[in-house]
């Protein structure tokens, strides 16, 4: 497992990636060509990967994203150390918090 701030990245064996996930369209890359896993709403800083691959994101923000890196990659953020990721599939989980009456993704 890998953690960078409020992002948890867990390796997933390829055979355990659901077909419904594989059928999702890849999330668009930002203007710097990065796959942004989470964007800081207050700071503009991003947990991002600039490597070949795809970020597959469900429309429900509480459902984990999936990241496919056929050659590996580096997870970067302006305030955290770089994390090298091996090739493979990963589940990307955003930290959540409880507020009265709801569960939501933590805002940076």
C-alpha atoms as a PDB file:
ATOM      1  CA  UNK A   1       0.000   0.000   0.000  1.00  0.00           C
ATOM      2  CA  UNK A   2       1.043   3.593  -0.586  1.00  0.00           C
ATOM      3  CA  UNK A   3      -0.214   6.710   1.159  1.00  0.00           C
ATOM      4  CA  UNK A   4       0.353  10.317   0.172  1.00  0.00           C
ATOM      5  CA  UNK A   5      -1.616  12.757   2.310  1.00  0.00           C
ATOM      6  CA  UNK A   6      -5.319  11.909   2.052  1.00  0.00           C
ATOM      7  CA  UNK A   7      -4.793   9.426  -0.827  1.00  0.00           C
ATOM      8  CA  UNK A   8      -4.410   5.671  -0.264  1.00  0.00           C
ATOM      9  CA  UNK A   9      -3.220   3.559  -3.207  1.00  0.00           C
ATOM     10  CA  UNK A  10      -3.623  -0.200  -3.005  1.00  0.00           C
ATOM     11  CA  UNK A  11      -2.293  -2.672  -5.590  1.00  0.00           C
ATOM     12  CA  UNK A  12      -4.991  -4.852  -7.154  1.00  0.00           C
ATOM     13  CA  UNK A  13      -4.278  -8.099  -9.036  1.00  0.00           C
ATOM     14  CA  UNK A  14      -5.277  -7.639 -12.681  1.00  0.00           C
ATOM     15  CA  UNK A  15      -7.730 -10.539 -12.548  1.00  0.00           C
ATOM     16  CA  UNK A  16      -9.592  -8.821  -9.673  1.00  0.00           C
ATOM     17  CA  UNK A  17     -10.290  -5.585 -11.583  1.00  0.00           C
ATOM     18  CA  UNK A  18     -14.057  -5.687 -12.295  1.00  0.00           C
ATOM     19  CA  UNK A  19     -15.198  -5.483 -15.904  1.00  0.00           C
ATOM     20  CA  UNK A  20     -17.411  -2.533 -14.936  1.00  0.00           C
ATOM     21  CA  UNK A  21     -14.249  -0.624 -13.974  1.00  0.00           C
ATOM     22  CA  UNK A  22     -12.461  -1.556 -17.206  1.00  0.00           C
ATOM     23  CA  UNK A  23     -15.481  -0.283 -19.176  1.00  0.00           C
ATOM     24  CA  UNK A  24     -15.300   3.211 -17.638  1.00  0.00           C
ATOM     25  CA  UNK A  25     -13.921   5.940 -19.918  1.00  0.00           C
ATOM     26  CA  UNK A  26     -10.497   7.227 -18.819  1.00  0.00           C
ATOM     27  CA  UNK A  27     -10.577  10.448 -16.813  1.00  0.00           C
ATOM     28  CA  UNK A  28      -9.178  13.375 -18.793  1.00  0.00           C
ATOM     29  CA  UNK A  29      -5.632  14.500 -18.055  1.00  0.00           C
ATOM     30  CA  UNK A  30      -4.931  18.027 -16.872  1.00  0.00           C
ATOM     31  CA  UNK A  31      -3.282  20.688 -19.047  1.00  0.00           C
ATOM     32  CA  UNK A  32       0.154  19.335 -17.994  1.00  0.00           C
ATOM     33  CA  UNK A  33      -0.708  15.813 -19.196  1.00  0.00           C
ATOM     34  CA  UNK A  34      -1.064  14.394 -15.684  1.00  0.00           C
ATOM     35  CA  UNK A  35      -3.649  12.033 -14.242  1.00  0.00           C
ATOM     36  CA  UNK A  36      -4.883  13.977 -11.209  1.00  0.00           C
ATOM     37  CA  UNK A  37      -5.956  11.652  -8.397  1.00  0.00           C
ATOM     38  CA  UNK A  38      -6.985  14.524  -6.111  1.00  0.00           C
ATOM     39  CA  UNK A  39      -6.854  18.299  -6.436  1.00  0.00           C
ATOM     40  CA  UNK A  40      -6.517  20.608  -3.446  1.00  0.00           C
ATOM     41  CA  UNK A  41      -9.491  22.931  -3.609  1.00  0.00           C
ATOM     42  CA  UNK A  42      -7.851  25.547  -1.377  1.00  0.00           C
ATOM     43  CA  UNK A  43      -4.221  25.265  -2.519  1.00  0.00           C
ATOM     44  CA  UNK A  44      -4.479  24.057  -6.115  1.00  0.00           C
ATOM     45  CA  UNK A  45      -1.868  21.405  -5.317  1.00  0.00           C
ATOM     46  CA  UNK A  46      -2.472  17.998  -6.878  1.00  0.00           C
ATOM     47  CA  UNK A  47      -1.756  14.349  -6.178  1.00  0.00           C
ATOM     48  CA  UNK A  48      -0.881  13.439  -9.760  1.00  0.00           C
ATOM     49  CA  UNK A  49       0.816  10.830 -11.942  1.00  0.00           C
ATOM     50  CA  UNK A  50       2.537  11.774 -15.203  1.00  0.00           C
ATOM     51  CA  UNK A  51       3.063   8.395 -16.861  1.00  0.00           C
ATOM     52  CA  UNK A  52       1.488   6.169 -19.496  1.00  0.00           C
ATOM     53  CA  UNK A  53      -1.735   4.681 -18.224  1.00  0.00           C
ATOM     54  CA  UNK A  54      -5.331   5.424 -17.347  1.00  0.00           C
ATOM     55  CA  UNK A  55      -7.267   6.744 -14.384  1.00  0.00           C
ATOM     56  CA  UNK A  56     -10.749   5.213 -14.319  1.00  0.00           C
ATOM     57  CA  UNK A  57     -13.204   7.187 -12.215  1.00  0.00           C
ATOM     58  CA  UNK A  58     -16.808   6.411 -11.288  1.00  0.00           C
ATOM     59  CA  UNK A  59     -19.206   9.378 -11.180  1.00  0.00           C
ATOM     60  CA  UNK A  60     -19.810   8.713  -7.440  1.00  0.00           C
ATOM     61  CA  UNK A  61     -16.976  10.458  -5.508  1.00  0.00           C
ATOM     62  CA  UNK A  62     -17.234   7.876  -2.696  1.00  0.00           C
ATOM     63  CA  UNK A  63     -16.455   4.964  -5.051  1.00  0.00           C
ATOM     64  CA  UNK A  64     -12.704   4.275  -5.297  1.00  0.00           C
ATOM     65  CA  UNK A  65     -10.924   5.173  -8.531  1.00  0.00           C
ATOM     66  CA  UNK A  66      -8.722   2.682 -10.376  1.00  0.00           C
ATOM     67  CA  UNK A  67      -5.323   3.488 -11.839  1.00  0.00           C
ATOM     68  CA  UNK A  68      -3.614   1.377 -14.499  1.00  0.00           C
ATOM     69  CA  UNK A  69       0.110   1.928 -14.973  1.00  0.00           C
ATOM     70  CA  UNK A  70       1.485  -0.423 -17.666  1.00  0.00           C
ATOM     71  CA  UNK A  71       5.061   0.833 -17.075  1.00  0.00           C
ATOM     72  CA  UNK A  72       4.893   2.141 -13.517  1.00  0.00           C
ATOM     73  CA  UNK A  73       4.962   5.814 -12.598  1.00  0.00           C
ATOM     74  CA  UNK A  74       5.639   8.452  -9.989  1.00  0.00           C
ATOM     75  CA  UNK A  75       3.009   9.983  -7.722  1.00  0.00           C
ATOM     76  CA  UNK A  76       3.869  13.628  -7.054  1.00  0.00           C
ATOM     77  CA  UNK A  77       2.491  16.414  -4.871  1.00  0.00           C
ATOM     78  CA  UNK A  78       3.957  19.806  -4.050  1.00  0.00           C
ATOM     79  CA  UNK A  79       3.970  19.147  -0.275  1.00  0.00           C
ATOM     80  CA  UNK A  80       4.827  15.416  -0.132  1.00  0.00           C
ATOM     81  CA  UNK A  81       7.706  13.159  -1.097  1.00  0.00           C
ATOM     82  CA  UNK A  82       7.481  11.489  -4.512  1.00  0.00           C
ATOM     83  CA  UNK A  83       6.279   7.876  -4.456  1.00  0.00           C
ATOM     84  CA  UNK A  84       7.441   5.444  -7.151  1.00  0.00           C
ATOM     85  CA  UNK A  85       4.684   3.055  -8.191  1.00  0.00           C
ATOM     86  CA  UNK A  86       5.396  -0.247  -9.945  1.00  0.00           C
ATOM     87  CA  UNK A  87       3.527  -1.300 -13.062  1.00  0.00           C
ATOM     88  CA  UNK A  88       0.081  -2.723 -12.485  1.00  0.00           C
ATOM     89  CA  UNK A  89      -3.432  -1.904 -11.327  1.00  0.00           C
ATOM     90  CA  UNK A  90      -4.267   0.133  -8.228  1.00  0.00           C
ATOM     91  CA  UNK A  91      -7.354   1.127  -6.263  1.00  0.00           C
ATOM     92  CA  UNK A  92      -7.235   4.815  -5.300  1.00  0.00           C
ATOM     93  CA  UNK A  93      -9.148   5.709  -2.157  1.00  0.00           C
ATOM     94  CA  UNK A  94      -9.714   9.277  -0.978  1.00  0.00           C
ATOM     95  CA  UNK A  95      -9.907   9.826   2.746  1.00  0.00           C
ATOM     96  CA  UNK A  96     -13.456  10.421   3.953  1.00  0.00           C
ATOM     97  CA  UNK A  97     -14.911  12.306   6.866  1.00  0.00           C
ATOM     98  CA  UNK A  98     -18.225  12.277   8.658  1.00  0.00           C
ATOM     99  CA  UNK A  99     -20.205  15.453   9.011  1.00  0.00           C
ATOM    100  CA  UNK A 100     -23.628  15.375  10.656  1.00  0.00           C
ATOM    101  CA  UNK A 101     -25.961  13.635   8.243  1.00  0.00           C
ATOM    102  CA  UNK A 102     -23.382  12.730   5.582  1.00  0.00           C
ATOM    103  CA  UNK A 103     -20.087  11.141   4.635  1.00  0.00           C
ATOM    104  CA  UNK A 104     -17.917  13.119   2.229  1.00  0.00           C
ATOM    105  CA  UNK A 105     -14.491  13.060   0.644  1.00  0.00           C
ATOM    106  CA  UNK A 106     -11.989  15.130   2.610  1.00  0.00           C
ATOM    107  CA  UNK A 107     -11.375  18.519   1.008  1.00  0.00           C
ATOM    108  CA  UNK A 108      -7.743  19.655   0.861  1.00  0.00           C
END
